[in-house]
PDB file of N, CA and C in Angstrom:
ATOM      1  N   MET A   1       8.291  17.642 -16.497  1.00  0.00           N
ATOM      2  CA  MET A   1       8.406  15.812 -15.812  1.00  0.00           C
ATOM      3  C   MET A   1       8.990  15.430 -16.987  1.00  0.00           C
ATOM      4  N   ASN A   2      10.046  14.239 -16.952  1.00  0.00           N
ATOM      5  CA  ASN A   2      10.396  13.691 -17.856  1.00  0.00           C
ATOM      6  C   ASN A   2       9.758  12.486 -18.457  1.00  0.00           C
ATOM      7  N   ASP A   3       9.859  12.043 -19.409  1.00  0.00           N
ATOM      8  CA  ASP A   3       9.016  10.696 -19.778  1.00  0.00           C
ATOM      9  C   ASP A   3       9.822   9.541 -19.808  1.00  0.00           C
ATOM     10  N   ILE A   4      10.564   9.324 -19.017  1.00  0.00           N
ATOM     11  CA  ILE A   4      11.682   8.498 -19.192  1.00  0.00           C
ATOM     12  C   ILE A   4      11.236   6.946 -18.697  1.00  0.00           C
ATOM     13  N   ASP A   5      11.468   6.001 -19.694  1.00  0.00           N
ATOM     14  CA  ASP A   5      10.799   4.804 -19.738  1.00  0.00           C
ATOM     15  C   ASP A   5      11.766   3.824 -18.539  1.00  0.00           C
ATOM     16  N   VAL A   6      10.810   3.565 -17.686  1.00  0.00           N
ATOM     17  CA  VAL A   6      11.052   2.564 -16.444  1.00  0.00           C
ATOM     18  C   VAL A   6      12.396   1.392 -17.008  1.00  0.00           C
ATOM     19  N   ALA A   7      11.804   0.741 -17.893  1.00  0.00           N
ATOM     20  CA  ALA A   7      12.477  -0.601 -18.425  1.00  0.00           C
ATOM     21  C   ALA A   7      13.820  -0.015 -19.048  1.00  0.00           C
ATOM     22  N   GLU A   8      14.150   1.174 -19.346  1.00  0.00           N
ATOM     23  CA  GLU A   8      15.043   1.542 -20.209  1.00  0.00           C
ATOM     24  C   GLU A   8      16.453   2.279 -18.784  1.00  0.00           C
ATOM     25  N   LEU A   9      15.261   2.699 -17.918  1.00  0.00           N
ATOM     26  CA  LEU A   9      16.640   2.930 -16.663  1.00  0.00           C
ATOM     27  C   LEU A   9      17.049   1.522 -16.261  1.00  0.00           C
ATOM     28  N   GLN A  10      15.929   0.638 -15.970  1.00  0.00           N
ATOM     29  CA  GLN A  10      16.342  -0.658 -15.351  1.00  0.00           C
ATOM     30  C   GLN A  10      17.708  -1.408 -16.302  1.00  0.00           C
ATOM     31  N   ARG A  11      17.668  -1.133 -17.755  1.00  0.00           N
ATOM     32  CA  ARG A  11      18.581  -1.957 -18.548  1.00  0.00           C
ATOM     33  C   ARG A  11      19.916  -0.784 -18.324  1.00  0.00           C
ATOM     34  N   ARG A  12      19.769   0.124 -18.292  1.00  0.00           N
ATOM     35  CA  ARG A  12      21.014   1.359 -17.992  1.00  0.00           C
ATOM     36  C   ARG A  12      21.596   0.624 -16.432  1.00  0.00           C
ATOM     37  N   LEU A  13      20.933   0.397 -15.524  1.00  0.00           N
ATOM     38  CA  LEU A  13      21.303   0.158 -14.108  1.00  0.00           C
ATOM     39  C   LEU A  13      21.947  -0.891 -14.197  1.00  0.00           C
ATOM     40  N   ALA A  14      21.287  -2.168 -14.897  1.00  0.00           N
ATOM     41  CA  ALA A  14      21.690  -3.495 -15.202  1.00  0.00           C
ATOM     42  C   ALA A  14      23.372  -3.226 -15.813  1.00  0.00           C
ATOM     43  N   ALA A  15      23.390  -2.896 -17.103  1.00  0.00           N
ATOM     44  CA  ALA A  15      24.483  -2.232 -17.639  1.00  0.00           C
ATOM     45  C   ALA A  15      25.674  -1.915 -17.003  1.00  0.00           C
ATOM     46  N   PHE A  16      25.179  -0.965 -16.070  1.00  0.00           N
ATOM     47  CA  PHE A  16      26.236  -0.034 -15.415  1.00  0.00           C
ATOM     48  C   PHE A  16      27.114  -1.136 -14.239  1.00  0.00           C
ATOM     49  N   ALA A  17      25.827  -1.978 -13.703  1.00  0.00           N
ATOM     50  CA  ALA A  17      26.125  -2.806 -12.786  1.00  0.00           C
ATOM     51  C   ALA A  17      27.081  -4.161 -13.235  1.00  0.00           C
ATOM     52  N   ALA A  18      26.836  -4.431 -14.400  1.00  0.00           N
ATOM     53  CA  ALA A  18      27.378  -5.876 -15.115  1.00  0.00           C
ATOM     54  C   ALA A  18      28.933  -5.319 -15.490  1.00  0.00           C
ATOM     55  N   ALA A  19      29.085  -3.875 -15.726  1.00  0.00           N
ATOM     56  CA  ALA A  19      30.281  -3.327 -16.316  1.00  0.00           C
ATOM     57  C   ALA A  19      31.505  -3.440 -15.146  1.00  0.00           C
ATOM     58  N   ARG A  20      30.873  -3.363 -13.997  1.00  0.00           N
ATOM     59  CA  ARG A  20      31.839  -3.325 -12.733  1.00  0.00           C
ATOM     60  C   ARG A  20      31.657  -4.516 -12.026  1.00  0.00           C
ATOM     61  N   ASP A  21      31.164  -5.611 -12.516  1.00  0.00           N
ATOM     62  CA  ASP A  21      30.866  -6.970 -11.911  1.00  0.00           C
ATOM     63  C   ASP A  21      30.298  -6.947 -10.559  1.00  0.00           C
ATOM     64  N   TRP A  22      29.056  -5.966 -10.382  1.00  0.00           N
ATOM     65  CA  TRP A  22      28.418  -5.732  -9.327  1.00  0.00           C
ATOM     66  C   TRP A  22      27.475  -6.817  -9.087  1.00  0.00           C
ATOM     67  N   GLY A  23      26.960  -7.444 -10.323  1.00  0.00           N
ATOM     68  CA  GLY A  23      25.759  -8.327 -10.276  1.00  0.00           C
ATOM     69  C   GLY A  23      25.679  -9.199  -9.222  1.00  0.00           C
ATOM     70  N   GLN A  24      26.996  -9.921  -8.887  1.00  0.00           N
ATOM     71  CA  GLN A  24      26.999 -10.851  -7.839  1.00  0.00           C
ATOM     72  C   GLN A  24      26.657 -10.533  -6.357  1.00  0.00           C
ATOM     73  N   TYR A  25      26.397  -8.909  -6.365  1.00  0.00           N
ATOM     74  CA  TYR A  25      26.092  -8.385  -5.088  1.00  0.00           C
ATOM     75  C   TYR A  25      24.329  -8.337  -4.977  1.00  0.00           C
ATOM     76  N   HIS A  26      24.012  -8.357  -6.182  1.00  0.00           N
ATOM     77  CA  HIS A  26      22.435  -7.834  -6.255  1.00  0.00           C
ATOM     78  C   HIS A  26      21.520  -8.760  -6.090  1.00  0.00           C
ATOM     79  N   THR A  27      21.730  -9.453  -4.883  1.00  0.00           N
ATOM     80  CA  THR A  27      20.672 -10.334  -4.688  1.00  0.00           C
ATOM     81  C   THR A  27      19.301  -9.749  -4.012  1.00  0.00           C
ATOM     82  N   PRO A  28      18.162 -10.262  -3.927  1.00  0.00           N
ATOM     83  CA  PRO A  28      17.287  -9.491  -3.380  1.00  0.00           C
ATOM     84  C   PRO A  28      17.203  -9.051  -2.037  1.00  0.00           C
ATOM     85  N   LYS A  29      17.954  -9.957  -1.300  1.00  0.00           N
ATOM     86  CA  LYS A  29      18.354  -9.541   0.212  1.00  0.00           C
ATOM     87  C   LYS A  29      19.183  -8.249   0.186  1.00  0.00           C
ATOM     88  N   ASN A  30      20.219  -8.150  -0.404  1.00  0.00           N
ATOM     89  CA  ASN A  30      21.241  -7.087  -0.682  1.00  0.00           C
ATOM     90  C   ASN A  30      20.624  -5.865  -1.159  1.00  0.00           C
ATOM     91  N   LEU A  31      19.673  -5.924  -2.165  1.00  0.00           N
ATOM     92  CA  LEU A  31      19.259  -4.752  -2.756  1.00  0.00           C
ATOM     93  C   LEU A  31      18.222  -4.398  -1.639  1.00  0.00           C
ATOM     94  N   ALA A  32      17.313  -5.115  -0.964  1.00  0.00           N
ATOM     95  CA  ALA A  32      16.389  -4.511  -0.134  1.00  0.00           C
ATOM     96  C   ALA A  32      17.121  -3.833   0.931  1.00  0.00           C
ATOM     97  N   ALA A  33      18.264  -4.453   1.473  1.00  0.00           N
ATOM     98  CA  ALA A  33      18.781  -3.616   2.606  1.00  0.00           C
ATOM     99  C   ALA A  33      19.305  -2.210   2.073  1.00  0.00           C
ATOM    100  N   ALA A  34      19.929  -2.251   1.131  1.00  0.00           N
ATOM    101  CA  ALA A  34      20.442  -0.896   0.293  1.00  0.00           C
ATOM    102  C   ALA A  34      19.309  -0.040   0.158  1.00  0.00           C
ATOM    103  N   LEU A  35      18.096  -0.407  -0.320  1.00  0.00           N
ATOM    104  CA  LEU A  35      16.928   0.235  -0.215  1.00  0.00           C
ATOM    105  C   LEU A  35      16.769   0.840   0.605  1.00  0.00           C
ATOM    106  N   SER A  36      16.837   0.187   1.988  1.00  0.00           N
ATOM    107  CA  SER A  36      16.382   0.454   3.199  1.00  0.00           C
ATOM    108  C   SER A  36      17.488   1.704   3.732  1.00  0.00           C
ATOM    109  N   VAL A  37      18.605   1.474   3.562  1.00  0.00           N
ATOM    110  CA  VAL A  37      19.619   2.495   3.856  1.00  0.00           C
ATOM    111  C   VAL A  37      19.415   3.692   3.152  1.00  0.00           C
ATOM    112  N   GLU A  38      19.394   3.621   1.950  1.00  0.00           N
ATOM    113  CA  GLU A  38      18.980   4.928   1.134  1.00  0.00           C
ATOM    114  C   GLU A  38      17.630   5.613   1.533  1.00  0.00           C
ATOM    115  N   ALA A  39      16.596   5.181   1.520  1.00  0.00           N
ATOM    116  CA  ALA A  39      15.414   5.508   2.458  1.00  0.00           C
ATOM    117  C   ALA A  39      15.763   6.174   3.564  1.00  0.00           C
ATOM    118  N   SER A  40      16.517   5.434   4.469  1.00  0.00           N
ATOM    119  CA  SER A  40      17.040   6.177   5.944  1.00  0.00           C
ATOM    120  C   SER A  40      18.034   7.252   5.837  1.00  0.00           C
ATOM    121  N   GLU A  41      18.755   7.335   4.199  1.00  0.00           N
ATOM    122  CA  GLU A  41      19.435   8.695   4.153  1.00  0.00           C
ATOM    123  C   GLU A  41      18.535   9.898   3.781  1.00  0.00           C
ATOM    124  N   LEU A  42      17.545   9.585   3.005  1.00  0.00           N
ATOM    125  CA  LEU A  42      16.414  10.332   2.605  1.00  0.00           C
ATOM    126  C   LEU A  42      15.755  11.165   3.871  1.00  0.00           C
ATOM    127  N   LEU A  43      15.447   9.886   5.061  1.00  0.00           N
ATOM    128  CA  LEU A  43      14.719  10.404   6.194  1.00  0.00           C
ATOM    129  C   LEU A  43      15.672  11.547   6.772  1.00  0.00           C
ATOM    130  N   GLU A  44      16.919  11.053   6.863  1.00  0.00           N
ATOM    131  CA  GLU A  44      17.833  11.706   7.751  1.00  0.00           C
ATOM    132  C   GLU A  44      17.932  13.223   7.459  1.00  0.00           C
ATOM    133  N   ILE A  45      17.610  13.434   6.074  1.00  0.00           N
ATOM    134  CA  ILE A  45      17.439  15.062   5.733  1.00  0.00           C
ATOM    135  C   ILE A  45      16.301  15.934   6.437  1.00  0.00           C
ATOM    136  N   PHE A  46      15.181  15.037   6.671  1.00  0.00           N
ATOM    137  CA  PHE A  46      13.992  15.545   7.327  1.00  0.00           C
ATOM    138  C   PHE A  46      13.957  15.500   8.945  1.00  0.00           C
ATOM    139  N   GLN A  47      14.974  14.727   9.438  1.00  0.00           N
ATOM    140  CA  GLN A  47      14.724  14.053  10.804  1.00  0.00           C
ATOM    141  C   GLN A  47      14.302  15.481  11.730  1.00  0.00           C
ATOM    142  N   TRP A  48      14.991  16.268  11.982  1.00  0.00           N
ATOM    143  CA  TRP A  48      14.640  17.215  13.259  1.00  0.00           C
ATOM    144  C   TRP A  48      14.072  18.430  12.492  1.00  0.00           C
ATOM    145  N   LEU A  49      13.564  18.262  11.070  1.00  0.00           N
ATOM    146  CA  LEU A  49      12.561  19.608  10.653  1.00  0.00           C
ATOM    147  C   LEU A  49      11.128  19.596  11.271  1.00  0.00           C
ATOM    148  N   THR A  50      10.831  20.706  11.462  1.00  0.00           N
ATOM    149  CA  THR A  50       9.546  20.773  11.832  1.00  0.00           C
ATOM    150  C   THR A  50       8.685  20.790  10.383  1.00  0.00           C
ATOM    151  N   PRO A  51       7.249  20.623  10.477  1.00  0.00           N
ATOM    152  CA  PRO A  51       6.605  20.335   9.517  1.00  0.00           C
ATOM    153  C   PRO A  51       6.784  21.532   8.293  1.00  0.00           C
ATOM    154  N   GLU A  52       6.971  22.805   8.823  1.00  0.00           N
ATOM    155  CA  GLU A  52       6.905  23.781   7.824  1.00  0.00           C
ATOM    156  C   GLU A  52       8.103  23.706   7.214  1.00  0.00           C
ATOM    157  N   GLN A  53       9.256  23.379   7.914  1.00  0.00           N
ATOM    158  CA  GLN A  53      10.640  23.203   7.439  1.00  0.00           C
ATOM    159  C   GLN A  53      10.675  22.222   6.367  1.00  0.00           C
ATOM    160  N   SER A  54      10.278  21.297   6.736  1.00  0.00           N
ATOM    161  CA  SER A  54       9.992  20.103   5.691  1.00  0.00           C
ATOM    162  C   SER A  54       9.606  20.417   4.295  1.00  0.00           C
ATOM    163  N   ALA A  55       8.219  21.040   4.336  1.00  0.00           N
ATOM    164  CA  ALA A  55       7.601  21.509   3.391  1.00  0.00           C
ATOM    165  C   ALA A  55       8.668  22.507   2.592  1.00  0.00           C
ATOM    166  N   ALA A  56       9.124  23.093   3.355  1.00  0.00           N
ATOM    167  CA  ALA A  56      10.129  23.955   2.392  1.00  0.00           C
ATOM    168  C   ALA A  56      11.283  23.604   2.063  1.00  0.00           C
ATOM    169  N   VAL A  57      11.689  22.272   2.133  1.00  0.00           N
ATOM    170  CA  VAL A  57      13.117  21.778   1.726  1.00  0.00           C
ATOM    171  C   VAL A  57      13.628  22.156   0.431  1.00  0.00           C
ATOM    172  N   MET A  58      12.624  21.933  -0.351  1.00  0.00           N
ATOM    173  CA  MET A  58      13.239  22.480  -1.681  1.00  0.00           C
ATOM    174  C   MET A  58      13.647  23.694  -2.238  1.00  0.00           C
ATOM    175  N   GLU A  59      13.317  24.572  -1.318  1.00  0.00           N
ATOM    176  CA  GLU A  59      13.548  26.192  -1.545  1.00  0.00           C
ATOM    177  C   GLU A  59      15.110  26.334  -1.509  1.00  0.00           C
ATOM    178  N   ASP A  60      15.889  25.501  -0.684  1.00  0.00           N
ATOM    179  CA  ASP A  60      17.280  25.577  -0.359  1.00  0.00           C
ATOM    180  C   ASP A  60      17.974  24.725  -1.206  1.00  0.00           C
ATOM    181  N   PRO A  61      18.881  25.272  -2.387  1.00  0.00           N
ATOM    182  CA  PRO A  61      19.337  24.506  -3.527  1.00  0.00           C
ATOM    183  C   PRO A  61      20.301  23.337  -3.175  1.00  0.00           C
ATOM    184  N   GLU A  62      21.176  23.771  -2.074  1.00  0.00           N
ATOM    185  CA  GLU A  62      22.019  22.534  -1.580  1.00  0.00           C
ATOM    186  C   GLU A  62      21.096  21.092  -1.104  1.00  0.00           C
ATOM    187  N   THR A  63      20.112  21.699  -0.142  1.00  0.00           N
ATOM    188  CA  THR A  63      19.085  20.620   0.467  1.00  0.00           C
ATOM    189  C   THR A  63      18.376  19.819  -0.475  1.00  0.00           C
ATOM    190  N   ALA A  64      17.818  20.798  -1.773  1.00  0.00           N
ATOM    191  CA  ALA A  64      17.203  20.132  -2.502  1.00  0.00           C
ATOM    192  C   ALA A  64      17.846  19.298  -3.609  1.00  0.00           C
ATOM    193  N   HIS A  65      19.211  19.522  -3.505  1.00  0.00           N
ATOM    194  CA  HIS A  65      20.204  18.634  -4.384  1.00  0.00           C
ATOM    195  C   HIS A  65      20.301  16.938  -3.846  1.00  0.00           C
ATOM    196  N   ARG A  66      20.384  17.553  -2.202  1.00  0.00           N
ATOM    197  CA  ARG A  66      20.634  16.420  -1.235  1.00  0.00           C
ATOM    198  C   ARG A  66      19.319  15.275  -1.464  1.00  0.00           C
ATOM    199  N   VAL A  67      18.314  16.061  -1.365  1.00  0.00           N
ATOM    200  CA  VAL A  67      16.778  15.049  -1.412  1.00  0.00           C
ATOM    201  C   VAL A  67      17.051  14.588  -2.613  1.00  0.00           C
ATOM    202  N   ALA A  68      17.055  15.227  -3.887  1.00  0.00           N
ATOM    203  CA  ALA A  68      16.851  14.548  -5.279  1.00  0.00           C
ATOM    204  C   ALA A  68      17.780  13.431  -5.333  1.00  0.00           C
ATOM    205  N   ASP A  69      19.054  13.535  -4.779  1.00  0.00           N
ATOM    206  CA  ASP A  69      20.125  12.420  -4.842  1.00  0.00           C
ATOM    207  C   ASP A  69      19.556  11.107  -4.407  1.00  0.00           C
ATOM    208  N   GLU A  70      19.082  11.433  -2.806  1.00  0.00           N
ATOM    209  CA  GLU A  70      18.717  10.290  -2.190  1.00  0.00           C
ATOM    210  C   GLU A  70      17.414   9.713  -2.941  1.00  0.00           C
ATOM    211  N   VAL A  71      16.444  10.546  -3.424  1.00  0.00           N
ATOM    212  CA  VAL A  71      15.363   9.899  -4.206  1.00  0.00           C
ATOM    213  C   VAL A  71      15.961   9.135  -5.512  1.00  0.00           C
ATOM    214  N   ALA A  72      16.894   9.470  -6.144  1.00  0.00           N
ATOM    215  CA  ALA A  72      17.379   8.882  -7.033  1.00  0.00           C
ATOM    216  C   ALA A  72      17.997   7.396  -6.678  1.00  0.00           C
ATOM    217  N   ASP A  73      18.624   7.378  -5.645  1.00  0.00           N
ATOM    218  CA  ASP A  73      19.153   6.338  -5.232  1.00  0.00           C
ATOM    219  C   ASP A  73      18.145   5.324  -4.477  1.00  0.00           C
ATOM    220  N   VAL A  74      17.217   5.914  -3.687  1.00  0.00           N
ATOM    221  CA  VAL A  74      16.013   4.743  -3.466  1.00  0.00           C
ATOM    222  C   VAL A  74      15.347   4.441  -4.814  1.00  0.00           C
ATOM    223  N   PHE A  75      14.999   5.279  -5.951  1.00  0.00           N
ATOM    224  CA  PHE A  75      14.300   4.770  -7.087  1.00  0.00           C
ATOM    225  C   PHE A  75      15.349   3.721  -7.632  1.00  0.00           C
ATOM    226  N   ALA A  76      16.409   3.992  -7.765  1.00  0.00           N
ATOM    227  CA  ALA A  76      17.434   3.090  -8.520  1.00  0.00           C
ATOM    228  C   ALA A  76      17.528   1.890  -7.904  1.00  0.00           C
ATOM    229  N   TYR A  77      17.618   1.828  -6.428  1.00  0.00           N
ATOM    230  CA  TYR A  77      17.721   0.538  -5.668  1.00  0.00           C
ATOM    231  C   TYR A  77      16.503  -0.248  -5.845  1.00  0.00           C
ATOM    232  N   LEU A  78      15.308   0.494  -5.929  1.00  0.00           N
ATOM    233  CA  LEU A  78      13.939  -0.250  -6.025  1.00  0.00           C
ATOM    234  C   LEU A  78      14.123  -0.663  -7.602  1.00  0.00           C
ATOM    235  N   LEU A  79      14.267  -0.208  -8.433  1.00  0.00           N
ATOM    236  CA  LEU A  79      14.310  -0.571  -9.876  1.00  0.00           C
ATOM    237  C   LEU A  79      15.120  -1.712 -10.078  1.00  0.00           C
ATOM    238  N   GLN A  80      16.219  -1.810  -9.444  1.00  0.00           N
ATOM    239  CA  GLN A  80      17.138  -2.761  -9.463  1.00  0.00           C
ATOM    240  C   GLN A  80      16.503  -4.380  -8.855  1.00  0.00           C
ATOM    241  N   PHE A  81      16.031  -3.822  -7.797  1.00  0.00           N
ATOM    242  CA  PHE A  81      15.426  -4.854  -6.872  1.00  0.00           C
ATOM    243  C   PHE A  81      14.061  -5.774  -7.570  1.00  0.00           C
ATOM    244  N   CYS A  82      13.234  -4.883  -8.286  1.00  0.00           N
ATOM    245  CA  CYS A  82      12.146  -5.382  -9.217  1.00  0.00           C
ATOM    246  C   CYS A  82      12.819  -6.118 -10.258  1.00  0.00           C
ATOM    247  N   GLN A  83      13.700  -5.600 -10.946  1.00  0.00           N
ATOM    248  CA  GLN A  83      14.514  -6.504 -11.919  1.00  0.00           C
ATOM    249  C   GLN A  83      14.960  -7.880 -11.342  1.00  0.00           C
ATOM    250  N   VAL A  84      15.664  -7.775 -10.501  1.00  0.00           N
ATOM    251  CA  VAL A  84      16.249  -9.127  -9.955  1.00  0.00           C
ATOM    252  C   VAL A  84      14.935 -10.363  -9.604  1.00  0.00           C
ATOM    253  N   LEU A  85      14.024  -9.484  -9.200  1.00  0.00           N
ATOM    254  CA  LEU A  85      12.846 -10.494  -8.943  1.00  0.00           C
ATOM    255  C   LEU A  85      11.823 -10.783  -9.809  1.00  0.00           C
ATOM    256  N   GLY A  86      12.110  -9.999 -10.981  1.00  0.00           N
ATOM    257  CA  GLY A  86      10.899  -9.933 -12.255  1.00  0.00           C
ATOM    258  C   GLY A  86       9.631  -9.329 -12.071  1.00  0.00           C
ATOM    259  N   ILE A  87       9.691  -8.063 -11.137  1.00  0.00           N
ATOM    260  CA  ILE A  87       8.317  -7.462 -10.911  1.00  0.00           C
ATOM    261  C   ILE A  87       8.423  -6.114 -11.557  1.00  0.00           C
ATOM    262  N   ASP A  88       7.326  -6.047 -12.175  1.00  0.00           N
ATOM    263  CA  ASP A  88       7.079  -4.878 -13.118  1.00  0.00           C
ATOM    264  C   ASP A  88       6.327  -3.461 -12.117  1.00  0.00           C
ATOM    265  N   PRO A  89       7.473  -2.797 -12.008  1.00  0.00           N
ATOM    266  CA  PRO A  89       7.041  -1.881 -10.676  1.00  0.00           C
ATOM    267  C   PRO A  89       5.613  -1.007 -11.009  1.00  0.00           C
ATOM    268  N   THR A  90       5.651  -0.728 -12.402  1.00  0.00           N
ATOM    269  CA  THR A  90       4.616   0.334 -12.899  1.00  0.00           C
ATOM    270  C   THR A  90       3.183  -0.553 -12.462  1.00  0.00           C
ATOM    271  N   ALA A  91       3.184  -2.143 -13.127  1.00  0.00           N
ATOM    272  CA  ALA A  91       2.116  -2.764 -12.848  1.00  0.00           C
ATOM    273  C   ALA A  91       1.923  -3.036 -11.352  1.00  0.00           C
ATOM    274  N   ALA A  92       2.894  -3.495 -10.514  1.00  0.00           N
ATOM    275  CA  ALA A  92       2.613  -3.552  -9.255  1.00  0.00           C
ATOM    276  C   ALA A  92       2.018  -2.330  -8.708  1.00  0.00           C
ATOM    277  N   LEU A  93       2.347  -1.079  -9.043  1.00  0.00           N
ATOM    278  CA  LEU A  93       1.907  -0.015  -8.348  1.00  0.00           C
ATOM    279  C   LEU A  93       0.203   0.243  -8.836  1.00  0.00           C
ATOM    280  N   ALA A  94       0.078   0.376 -10.053  1.00  0.00           N
ATOM    281  CA  ALA A  94      -1.241   0.227 -10.765  1.00  0.00           C
ATOM    282  C   ALA A  94      -2.334  -0.619 -10.037  1.00  0.00           C
ATOM    283  N   ALA A  95      -1.696  -1.967  -9.677  1.00  0.00           N
ATOM    284  CA  ALA A  95      -2.770  -3.057  -8.935  1.00  0.00           C
ATOM    285  C   ALA A  95      -2.940  -2.722  -7.389  1.00  0.00           C
ATOM    286  N   LYS A  96      -1.974  -2.064  -6.924  1.00  0.00           N
ATOM    287  CA  LYS A  96      -1.809  -1.724  -5.560  1.00  0.00           C
ATOM    288  C   LYS A  96      -2.970  -0.384  -5.332  1.00  0.00           C
ATOM    289  N   VAL A  97      -3.029   0.295  -6.518  1.00  0.00           N
ATOM    290  CA  VAL A  97      -3.635   1.750  -6.245  1.00  0.00           C
ATOM    291  C   VAL A  97      -5.191   1.122  -6.463  1.00  0.00           C
ATOM    292  N   GLU A  98      -5.298   0.158  -7.492  1.00  0.00           N
ATOM    293  CA  GLU A  98      -6.714  -0.032  -7.863  1.00  0.00           C
ATOM    294  C   GLU A  98      -7.212  -0.921  -6.431  1.00  0.00           C
ATOM    295  N   ARG A  99      -6.541  -1.736  -5.655  1.00  0.00           N
ATOM    296  CA  ARG A  99      -6.760  -2.406  -4.425  1.00  0.00           C
ATOM    297  C   ARG A  99      -7.349  -1.343  -3.174  1.00  0.00           C
ATOM    298  N   ASN A 100      -6.354  -0.349  -3.558  1.00  0.00           N
ATOM    299  CA  ASN A 100      -6.697   0.795  -2.265  1.00  0.00           C
ATOM    300  C   ASN A 100      -7.885   1.360  -2.567  1.00  0.00           C
ATOM    301  N   GLU A 101      -8.121   1.605  -3.749  1.00  0.00           N
ATOM    302  CA  GLU A 101      -9.397   2.276  -4.397  1.00  0.00           C
ATOM    303  C   GLU A 101     -10.629   1.515  -3.705  1.00  0.00           C
ATOM    304  N   LYS A 102     -10.588   0.006  -4.085  1.00  0.00           N
ATOM    305  CA  LYS A 102     -11.732  -0.640  -3.576  1.00  0.00           C
ATOM    306  C   LYS A 102     -11.737  -0.768  -1.772  1.00  0.00           C
ATOM    307  N   ARG A 103     -10.492  -1.001  -1.265  1.00  0.00           N
ATOM    308  CA  ARG A 103     -10.335  -0.938   0.090  1.00  0.00           C
ATOM    309  C   ARG A 103     -10.841   0.190   0.876  1.00  0.00           C
ATOM    310  N   PHE A 104     -10.483   1.410   0.220  1.00  0.00           N
ATOM    311  CA  PHE A 104     -10.776   2.791   0.966  1.00  0.00           C
ATOM    312  C   PHE A 104     -11.677   3.487   0.073  1.00  0.00           C
ATOM    313  N   PRO A 105     -12.947   2.970  -0.430  1.00  0.00           N
ATOM    314  CA  PRO A 105     -13.777   3.892  -1.142  1.00  0.00           C
ATOM    315  C   PRO A 105     -13.893   5.214  -0.415  1.00  0.00           C
ATOM    316  N   LEU A 106     -14.320   6.249  -1.674  1.00  0.00           N
ATOM    317  CA  LEU A 106     -14.848   7.579  -1.030  1.00  0.00           C
ATOM    318  C   LEU A 106     -15.761   7.328  -0.214  1.00  0.00           C
ATOM    319  N   PRO A 107     -15.964   8.306   0.990  1.00  0.00           N
ATOM    320  CA  PRO A 107     -17.142   8.377   1.683  1.00  0.00           C
ATOM    321  C   PRO A 107     -18.550   8.830   0.751  1.00  0.00           C
ATOM    322  N   GLU A 108     -19.275   8.482   1.056  1.00  0.00           N
ATOM    323  CA  GLU A 108     -20.775   8.690   0.199  1.00  0.00           C
ATOM    324  C   GLU A 108     -20.853  10.259   0.994  1.00  0.00           C
ATOM    325  N   ALA A 109     -21.641  11.054  -0.062  1.00  0.00           N
ATOM    326  CA  ALA A 109     -21.955  12.497   0.660  1.00  0.00           C
ATOM    327  C   ALA A 109     -23.120  12.303   1.183  1.00  0.00           C
ATOM    328  N   PRO A 110     -23.215  13.076   2.265  1.00  0.00           N
ATOM    329  CA  PRO A 110     -24.501  13.143   3.203  1.00  0.00           C
ATOM    330  C   PRO A 110     -25.481  13.708   2.517  1.00  0.00           C
ATOM    331  N   GLU A 111     -26.590  13.089   2.500  1.00  0.00           N
ATOM    332  CA  GLU A 111     -27.869  13.497   2.114  1.00  0.00           C
ATOM    333  C   GLU A 111     -28.155  14.763   2.722  1.00  0.00           C
ATOM    334  N   SER A 112     -28.741  15.761   2.086  1.00  0.00           N
ATOM    335  CA  SER A 112     -29.204  17.099   2.713  1.00  0.00           C
ATOM    336  C   SER A 112     -30.574  16.800   3.580  1.00  0.00           C
ATOM    337  N   GLU A 113     -30.612  17.499   4.654  1.00  0.00           N
ATOM    338  CA  GLU A 113     -31.606  17.348   5.362  1.00  0.00           C
ATOM    339  C   GLU A 113     -32.977  17.906   4.616  1.00  0.00           C
ATOM    340  N   ASP A 114     -32.798  18.816   3.909  1.00  0.00           N
ATOM    341  CA  ASP A 114     -33.907  19.533   3.222  1.00  0.00           C
ATOM    342  C   ASP A 114     -33.612  19.567   1.713  1.00  0.00           C
ATOM    343  N   ARG A 115     -34.143  18.526   1.172  1.00  0.00           N
ATOM    344  CA  ARG A 115     -33.751  18.167  -0.292  1.00  0.00           C
ATOM    345  C   ARG A 115     -34.351  19.228  -1.253  1.00  0.00           C
ATOM    346  N   HIS A 116     -35.546  20.220  -0.627  1.00  0.00           N
ATOM    347  CA  HIS A 116     -36.044  20.844  -1.354  1.00  0.00           C
ATOM    348  C   HIS A 116     -35.373  22.413  -1.226  1.00  0.00           C
ATOM    349  N   SER A 117     -34.780  22.836  -0.535  1.00  0.00           N
ATOM    350  CA  SER A 117     -34.082  23.901  -0.244  1.00  0.00           C
ATOM    351  C   SER A 117     -33.183  24.450  -1.258  1.00  0.00           C
ATOM    352  N   SER A 118     -33.541  25.772  -1.695  1.00  0.00           N
ATOM    353  CA  SER A 118     -32.764  26.248  -2.670  1.00  0.00           C
ATOM    354  C   SER A 118     -31.135  26.638  -2.463  1.00  0.00           C
ATOM    355  N   GLU A 119     -30.947  26.535  -1.314  1.00  0.00           N
ATOM    356  CA  GLU A 119     -29.564  27.040  -0.820  1.00  0.00           C
ATOM    357  C   GLU A 119     -28.368  25.747  -1.083  1.00  0.00           C
TER     358      GLU A 119
END
């Protein structure tokens, strides 16, 4: 796995868009719509697959490439969306995980009926 800096990716995406004068189109609404479209394109790859086929999707190099490209598109639009709105995506995720850990605590282990059992 690469240790690529999220902020650096955001800077590269912003520079890419600025060089093409695309910033005018990168409104929160447009980026949210683009994110949805790209997520739908990712979903389309899996649409009619069985659970077993979907679990094996990365075994076919052509399909694996399509999946990776769509994941990249989703991630790129998400990073651009966050940048436009001033959201730190890693901080937002860390906060959400923490809230979910509190909201959905691990179930307590049931006490053994016979605490003196050697089994």
